[in-house]
Amino acid sequence: MANRHLLRSIVLQTLFECDFRDINSARPLDVLRCNISEFAPEVNSYTFAEEIVEGVCERKEDLDNIISKAAPNWPIERIAAVDRNILRIGLFELLFSDHDDVPPKVAINESIELAKTFGGETSSKFINGVLGAIYKELGEPGKDDVSKTKEDIPYEDIPVQRLAGAVIYSVSEGEIYLAFVHDVFGRWTLSKGRLEEGEDPEVGVVRVVIHELGIETEVECVLGDNEYVAKNQEKEKVRKNVKYFLNKAKFEELTLKDEGGLDDAKWFKLKDTIDLNFYDDIVPIITKAVGILLKKYGPDPKEKQDEGK
């Protein structure tokens, strides 16, 4: 395993060199072998490294397209060359490696370590965010290799994973504010997380928000449920059932937990949320919450706020 870590470093060096010198697809293996002979002459077998270099070069366009969709604010040519090639390596291993040989978490963690060693100050966070989001939110690694038996499981037989999320609001200085989190796909969305076994959703959603945003909230009402099919780390289908609540909080600073998939958290005035880019499936949840808030506070939230003091 130590040899593989070293080989990944040399693969990165090779791809960076090919990128920098614009070496055509027939030459990268020559560059790799030259680098191995210079920096790792003690390594006798490097088929692992050859497969990554060949695979990344052959599928570079497809890999770059996926990366671009996962990080729309960062066109591939604007991503630092080191980070760009770390992403290509990590994504190739996620999508095309044998997961018995290279588990997805190993592929992501190895990429993060490469970023810490060779990237800039924020590289590891960026790599973690993009690869983590691609794995969790897009069709997981190896989805084209899932057997037809698994693909054909009736919907009602797919295991259910319970989650809880919230439209979080606060009233401050006569304004209603809503708190949203931002993901690496360029969408604002709702804070949510997985419930523990047997956990009451109303209890769980408070815990989830504290974990993700660092603020205390109080559940006011249920807004509804969303359900969608995704795949877990074992490439098996799961039905993710999310129960959403309307939660009230003090208007205080949000502290986003450093986890894959999310890159920002922010309060927005209610009137400004109409211009935000949301996922279609949560728009009805947010719309219902807004209706409840307008009915509760009316056109002048400050008046209602003062009454409650």
Protein backbone atom coordinates (compact mmCIF):
# COMPACT_ATOMS: atom_id res chain seq x y z
CA MET A 1 0.00 0.00 0.00
CA ALA A 2 2.93 2.33 0.71
CA ASN A 3 4.18 1.63 -2.81
CA ARG A 4 0.79 2.62 -4.19
CA HIS A 5 0.88 5.93 -2.37
CA LEU A 6 4.31 6.58 -3.87
CA LEU A 7 3.11 5.50 -7.31
CA ARG A 8 0.12 7.85 -7.13
CA SER A 9 2.55 10.69 -6.44
CA ILE A 10 4.55 9.74 -9.52
CA VAL A 11 1.36 9.39 -11.57
CA LEU A 12 0.47 12.95 -10.53
CA GLN A 13 3.94 14.16 -11.51
CA THR A 14 3.61 12.38 -14.86
CA LEU A 15 0.17 13.79 -15.67
CA PHE A 16 1.24 17.27 -14.58
CA GLU A 17 4.27 17.05 -16.86
CA CYS A 18 2.15 15.83 -19.78
CA ASP A 19 -0.36 18.62 -19.15
CA PHE A 20 2.35 21.25 -18.91
CA ARG A 21 4.27 20.07 -21.98
CA ASP A 22 1.13 19.07 -23.93
CA ILE A 23 2.51 15.59 -24.57
CA ASN A 24 0.26 13.54 -26.83
CA SER A 25 -1.48 10.36 -25.68
CA ALA A 26 1.27 8.08 -27.07
CA ARG A 27 3.95 9.44 -24.72
CA PRO A 28 2.64 9.47 -21.11
CA LEU A 29 3.74 5.90 -20.34
CA ASP A 30 7.27 6.76 -21.43
CA VAL A 31 7.23 9.74 -19.07
CA LEU A 32 5.86 7.55 -16.27
CA ARG A 33 8.59 4.91 -16.69
CA CYS A 34 11.25 7.58 -16.74
CA ASN A 35 9.89 9.11 -13.52
CA ILE A 36 9.65 5.72 -11.80
CA SER A 37 13.24 4.86 -12.71
CA GLU A 38 14.38 8.18 -11.25
CA PHE A 39 12.19 8.51 -8.15
CA ALA A 40 11.16 4.93 -7.29
CA PRO A 41 13.74 2.53 -8.73
CA GLU A 42 13.06 0.10 -5.89
CA VAL A 43 9.46 -0.49 -7.10
CA ASN A 44 9.44 -3.66 -9.21
CA SER A 45 5.80 -3.68 -10.30
CA TYR A 46 4.02 -0.55 -11.44
CA THR A 47 1.10 -1.90 -13.49
CA PHE A 48 -1.16 -0.04 -11.06
CA ALA A 49 0.38 3.28 -12.08
CA GLU A 50 0.32 2.45 -15.79
CA GLU A 51 -3.40 1.69 -15.63
CA ILE A 52 -4.15 5.05 -14.04
CA VAL A 53 -2.02 7.03 -16.48
CA GLU A 54 -3.45 5.21 -19.50
CA GLY A 55 -7.00 5.44 -18.18
CA VAL A 56 -6.83 9.14 -17.34
CA CYS A 57 -5.33 9.99 -20.74
CA GLU A 58 -7.88 7.93 -22.64
CA ARG A 59 -10.86 9.30 -20.71
CA LYS A 60 -9.59 12.81 -19.95
CA GLU A 61 -12.41 14.55 -21.83
CA ASP A 62 -15.10 12.56 -20.02
CA LEU A 63 -13.43 13.05 -16.64
CA ASP A 64 -13.11 16.79 -17.24
CA ASN A 65 -16.78 17.03 -18.21
CA ILE A 66 -17.82 15.39 -14.93
CA ILE A 67 -15.50 17.64 -12.94
CA SER A 68 -16.92 20.71 -14.71
CA LYS A 69 -20.46 19.72 -13.80
CA ALA A 70 -19.47 19.16 -10.17
CA ALA A 71 -17.65 22.50 -9.93
CA PRO A 72 -19.50 24.85 -12.33
CA ASN A 73 -17.84 27.93 -10.88
CA TRP A 74 -14.44 26.52 -11.78
CA PRO A 75 -13.97 25.89 -15.51
CA ILE A 76 -11.46 23.08 -15.96
CA GLU A 77 -8.84 25.42 -17.44
CA ARG A 78 -9.08 27.67 -14.36
CA ILE A 79 -8.40 24.87 -11.90
CA ALA A 80 -4.73 24.75 -10.90
CA ALA A 81 -2.86 22.12 -12.92
CA VAL A 82 -1.96 20.11 -9.83
CA ASP A 83 -5.53 20.12 -8.50
CA ARG A 84 -6.90 19.35 -11.95
CA ASN A 85 -4.77 16.23 -12.27
CA ILE A 86 -5.45 15.09 -8.72
CA LEU A 87 -9.16 15.29 -9.52
CA ARG A 88 -8.63 13.26 -12.69
CA ILE A 89 -6.75 10.57 -10.77
CA GLY A 90 -9.30 10.41 -7.96
CA LEU A 91 -12.28 10.41 -10.29
CA PHE A 92 -10.76 7.72 -12.50
CA GLU A 93 -10.26 5.49 -9.46
CA LEU A 94 -13.79 6.19 -8.25
CA LEU A 95 -15.38 5.34 -11.56
CA PHE A 96 -13.20 2.65 -13.09
CA SER A 97 -11.17 0.90 -10.40
CA ASP A 98 -12.13 -2.43 -8.86
CA HIS A 99 -13.66 -1.31 -5.57
CA ASP A 100 -12.54 -4.49 -3.85
CA ASP A 101 -9.03 -3.39 -4.69
CA VAL A 102 -9.45 0.38 -4.25
CA PRO A 103 -12.50 1.24 -2.08
CA PRO A 104 -14.06 4.64 -2.87
CA LYS A 105 -13.04 6.11 0.50
CA VAL A 106 -9.45 5.10 -0.17
CA ALA A 107 -9.52 6.77 -3.60
CA ILE A 108 -10.90 10.00 -2.11
CA ASN A 109 -8.55 9.98 0.88
CA GLU A 110 -5.51 9.33 -1.30
CA SER A 111 -6.48 12.28 -3.51
CA ILE A 112 -6.84 14.49 -0.43
CA GLU A 113 -3.38 13.44 0.74
CA LEU A 114 -1.92 14.27 -2.69
CA ALA A 115 -3.56 17.68 -2.46
CA LYS A 116 -2.11 18.30 1.00
CA THR A 117 1.37 17.36 -0.20
CA PHE A 118 1.46 18.96 -3.65
CA GLY A 119 -1.43 21.43 -3.79
CA GLY A 120 -2.09 24.87 -2.38
CA GLU A 121 -3.52 25.92 0.95
CA THR A 122 -7.15 25.18 0.03
CA SER A 123 -6.51 22.33 -2.42
CA SER A 124 -7.41 19.47 -0.06
CA LYS A 125 -10.75 21.05 0.84
CA PHE A 126 -11.54 21.67 -2.83
CA ILE A 127 -10.59 18.11 -3.84
CA ASN A 128 -12.60 16.64 -0.96
CA GLY A 129 -15.64 18.71 -1.88
CA VAL A 130 -15.65 17.86 -5.57
CA LEU A 131 -14.89 14.14 -5.28
CA GLY A 132 -17.16 13.69 -2.27
CA ALA A 133 -20.05 15.36 -4.04
CA ILE A 134 -19.53 13.42 -7.26
CA TYR A 135 -19.55 10.15 -5.36
CA LYS A 136 -22.59 10.93 -3.25
CA GLU A 137 -24.78 12.96 -5.55
CA LEU A 138 -24.07 11.66 -9.04
CA GLY A 139 -24.44 8.04 -10.12
CA GLU A 140 -21.90 6.45 -7.79
CA PRO A 141 -18.64 4.86 -9.00
CA GLY A 142 -19.20 1.73 -11.05
CA LYS A 143 -22.90 2.36 -11.60
CA ASP A 144 -22.61 0.99 -15.16
CA ASP A 145 -21.23 -2.25 -13.72
CA VAL A 146 -24.09 -2.89 -11.31
CA SER A 147 -25.71 -6.20 -12.12
CA LYS A 148 -29.13 -6.29 -13.70
CA THR A 149 -30.38 -8.17 -10.65
CA LYS A 150 -29.65 -5.13 -8.49
CA GLU A 151 -30.94 -2.69 -11.10
CA ASP A 152 -34.22 -4.58 -11.40
CA ILE A 153 -35.09 -4.58 -7.69
CA PRO A 154 -38.73 -3.45 -7.32
CA TYR A 155 -39.01 0.03 -5.86
CA GLU A 156 -40.85 -1.19 -2.78
CA ASP A 157 -38.02 -3.64 -2.02
CA ILE A 158 -35.26 -1.03 -2.08
CA PRO A 159 -33.98 -0.37 1.48
CA VAL A 160 -35.02 2.96 2.99
CA GLN A 161 -32.54 5.40 4.52
CA ARG A 162 -34.13 7.97 6.84
CA LEU A 163 -32.97 11.60 6.82
CA ALA A 164 -34.21 14.86 8.28
CA GLY A 165 -33.78 18.39 7.02
CA ALA A 166 -35.08 21.87 7.68
CA VAL A 167 -36.02 25.23 6.27
CA ILE A 168 -34.30 27.35 8.92
CA TYR A 169 -35.53 30.87 9.53
CA SER A 170 -34.87 33.79 11.81
CA VAL A 171 -36.38 37.23 12.30
CA SER A 172 -33.98 40.10 12.81
CA GLU A 173 -34.46 43.88 12.59
CA GLY A 174 -37.78 43.60 10.84
CA GLU A 175 -36.62 41.07 8.24
CA ILE A 176 -37.25 37.35 7.80
CA TYR A 177 -34.07 35.45 6.97
CA LEU A 178 -33.68 31.91 5.63
CA ALA A 179 -30.50 29.84 6.01
CA PHE A 180 -29.30 27.68 3.11
CA VAL A 181 -26.22 25.62 2.34
CA HIS A 182 -24.44 25.70 -1.02
CA ASP A 183 -23.02 22.64 -2.78
CA VAL A 184 -20.27 22.22 -5.34
CA PHE A 185 -22.86 21.81 -8.10
CA GLY A 186 -23.75 25.50 -7.72
CA ARG A 187 -27.11 24.95 -5.99
CA TRP A 188 -28.44 26.35 -2.74
CA THR A 189 -30.21 23.68 -0.74
CA LEU A 190 -31.48 22.76 2.72
CA SER A 191 -29.48 21.51 5.67
CA LYS A 192 -30.15 17.79 6.10
CA GLY A 193 -28.55 14.64 7.41
CA ARG A 194 -29.04 10.98 8.20
CA LEU A 195 -31.10 9.93 11.21
CA GLU A 196 -29.73 7.46 13.69
CA GLU A 197 -31.41 4.10 14.17
CA GLY A 198 -34.79 4.65 15.87
CA GLU A 199 -34.21 8.39 16.25
CA ASP A 200 -37.25 10.68 16.35
CA PRO A 201 -37.04 12.95 13.27
CA GLU A 202 -37.87 16.06 15.33
CA VAL A 203 -34.95 15.30 17.63
CA GLY A 204 -32.73 14.25 14.75
CA VAL A 205 -33.23 17.39 12.68
CA VAL A 206 -32.09 19.59 15.58
CA ARG A 207 -28.97 17.44 15.95
CA VAL A 208 -28.34 17.49 12.19
CA VAL A 209 -28.48 21.29 11.98
CA ILE A 210 -26.15 21.72 14.96
CA HIS A 211 -23.71 19.29 13.34
CA GLU A 212 -23.82 20.95 9.92
CA LEU A 213 -24.25 24.65 10.73
CA GLY A 214 -23.35 24.98 14.41
CA ILE A 215 -26.62 26.65 15.47
CA GLU A 216 -29.46 25.66 17.80
CA THR A 217 -32.93 25.51 16.26
CA GLU A 218 -36.47 24.82 17.42
CA VAL A 219 -38.92 22.77 15.35
CA GLU A 220 -42.15 24.61 14.60
CA CYS A 221 -43.92 22.28 12.17
CA VAL A 222 -43.56 19.53 9.58
CA LEU A 223 -43.30 20.71 5.96
CA GLY A 224 -43.39 17.38 4.14
CA ASP A 225 -41.35 14.48 2.80
CA ASN A 226 -39.14 13.95 -0.24
CA GLU A 227 -37.93 10.57 -1.44
CA TYR A 228 -35.37 9.71 -4.11
CA VAL A 229 -33.25 6.74 -5.11
CA ALA A 230 -29.46 6.89 -4.73
CA LYS A 231 -26.65 4.40 -4.21
CA ASN A 232 -24.67 3.70 -1.08
CA GLN A 233 -20.95 3.04 -0.80
CA GLU A 234 -21.53 -0.61 -1.66
CA LYS A 235 -23.13 0.50 -4.98
CA GLU A 236 -26.52 -0.72 -3.80
CA LYS A 237 -29.71 1.24 -4.32
CA VAL A 238 -31.30 2.96 -1.33
CA ARG A 239 -34.46 5.04 -1.05
CA LYS A 240 -33.52 8.23 0.74
CA ASN A 241 -36.58 9.51 2.57
CA VAL A 242 -36.15 13.05 3.89
CA LYS A 243 -38.63 14.54 6.35
CA TYR A 244 -38.45 18.33 6.29
CA PHE A 245 -39.34 20.71 9.10
CA LEU A 246 -39.66 24.46 9.61
CA ASN A 247 -37.11 25.37 12.29
CA LYS A 248 -36.62 28.71 14.01
CA ALA A 249 -33.18 29.93 15.08
CA LYS A 250 -31.48 33.00 16.46
CA PHE A 251 -29.93 35.18 13.79
CA GLU A 252 -26.31 34.24 14.42
CA GLU A 253 -23.28 33.28 12.40
CA LEU A 254 -23.43 29.98 10.53
CA THR A 255 -20.40 27.72 10.84
CA LEU A 256 -20.40 25.20 8.00
CA LYS A 257 -18.84 21.87 8.89
CA ASP A 258 -15.97 21.01 6.57
CA GLU A 259 -17.45 18.02 4.75
CA GLY A 260 -17.59 16.82 1.16
CA GLY A 261 -20.23 18.32 -1.09
CA LEU A 262 -20.86 21.67 0.61
CA ASP A 263 -18.81 24.84 0.25
CA ASP A 264 -20.87 27.65 1.80
CA ALA A 265 -23.71 28.50 4.19
CA LYS A 266 -25.49 31.83 4.34
CA TRP A 267 -28.53 33.72 5.60
CA PHE A 268 -30.73 35.35 2.93
CA LYS A 269 -33.49 37.87 3.33
CA LEU A 270 -36.79 36.23 2.41
CA LYS A 271 -37.31 38.60 -0.51
CA ASP A 272 -33.92 37.67 -1.99
CA THR A 273 -34.48 33.91 -2.08
CA ILE A 274 -36.51 34.09 -5.29
CA ASP A 275 -33.29 34.57 -7.29
CA LEU A 276 -31.44 31.58 -5.81
CA ASN A 277 -30.66 28.42 -7.76
CA PHE A 278 -32.45 25.55 -5.95
CA TYR A 279 -33.01 21.88 -6.74
CA ASP A 280 -36.48 21.37 -8.18
CA ASP A 281 -37.54 18.84 -5.57
CA ILE A 282 -37.07 21.22 -2.63
CA VAL A 283 -38.82 24.22 -4.21
CA PRO A 284 -42.28 23.04 -2.99
CA ILE A 285 -40.87 22.58 0.53
CA ILE A 286 -39.41 26.09 0.56
CA THR A 287 -42.58 27.57 -0.97
CA LYS A 288 -44.71 26.00 1.76
CA ALA A 289 -42.38 27.36 4.43
CA VAL A 290 -42.53 30.86 2.95
CA GLY A 291 -46.32 30.74 2.92
CA ILE A 292 -46.39 29.77 6.59
CA LEU A 293 -43.95 32.54 7.50
CA LEU A 294 -45.86 35.23 5.60
CA LYS A 295 -49.10 34.13 7.22
CA LYS A 296 -47.45 34.17 10.66
CA TYR A 297 -45.55 37.45 10.38
CA GLY A 298 -47.44 39.32 7.68
CA PRO A 299 -45.94 42.15 5.63
CA ASP A 300 -44.24 43.71 8.68
CA PRO A 301 -42.23 41.10 10.61
CA LYS A 302 -40.85 43.81 12.91
CA GLU A 303 -44.31 44.46 14.35
CA LYS A 304 -44.81 40.77 15.14
CA GLN A 305 -41.28 40.51 16.46
CA ASP A 306 -41.87 43.41 18.85
CA GLU A 307 -45.11 41.84 20.07
CA GLY A 308 -43.21 38.70 21.01
CA LYS A 309 -40.71 40.51 23.19
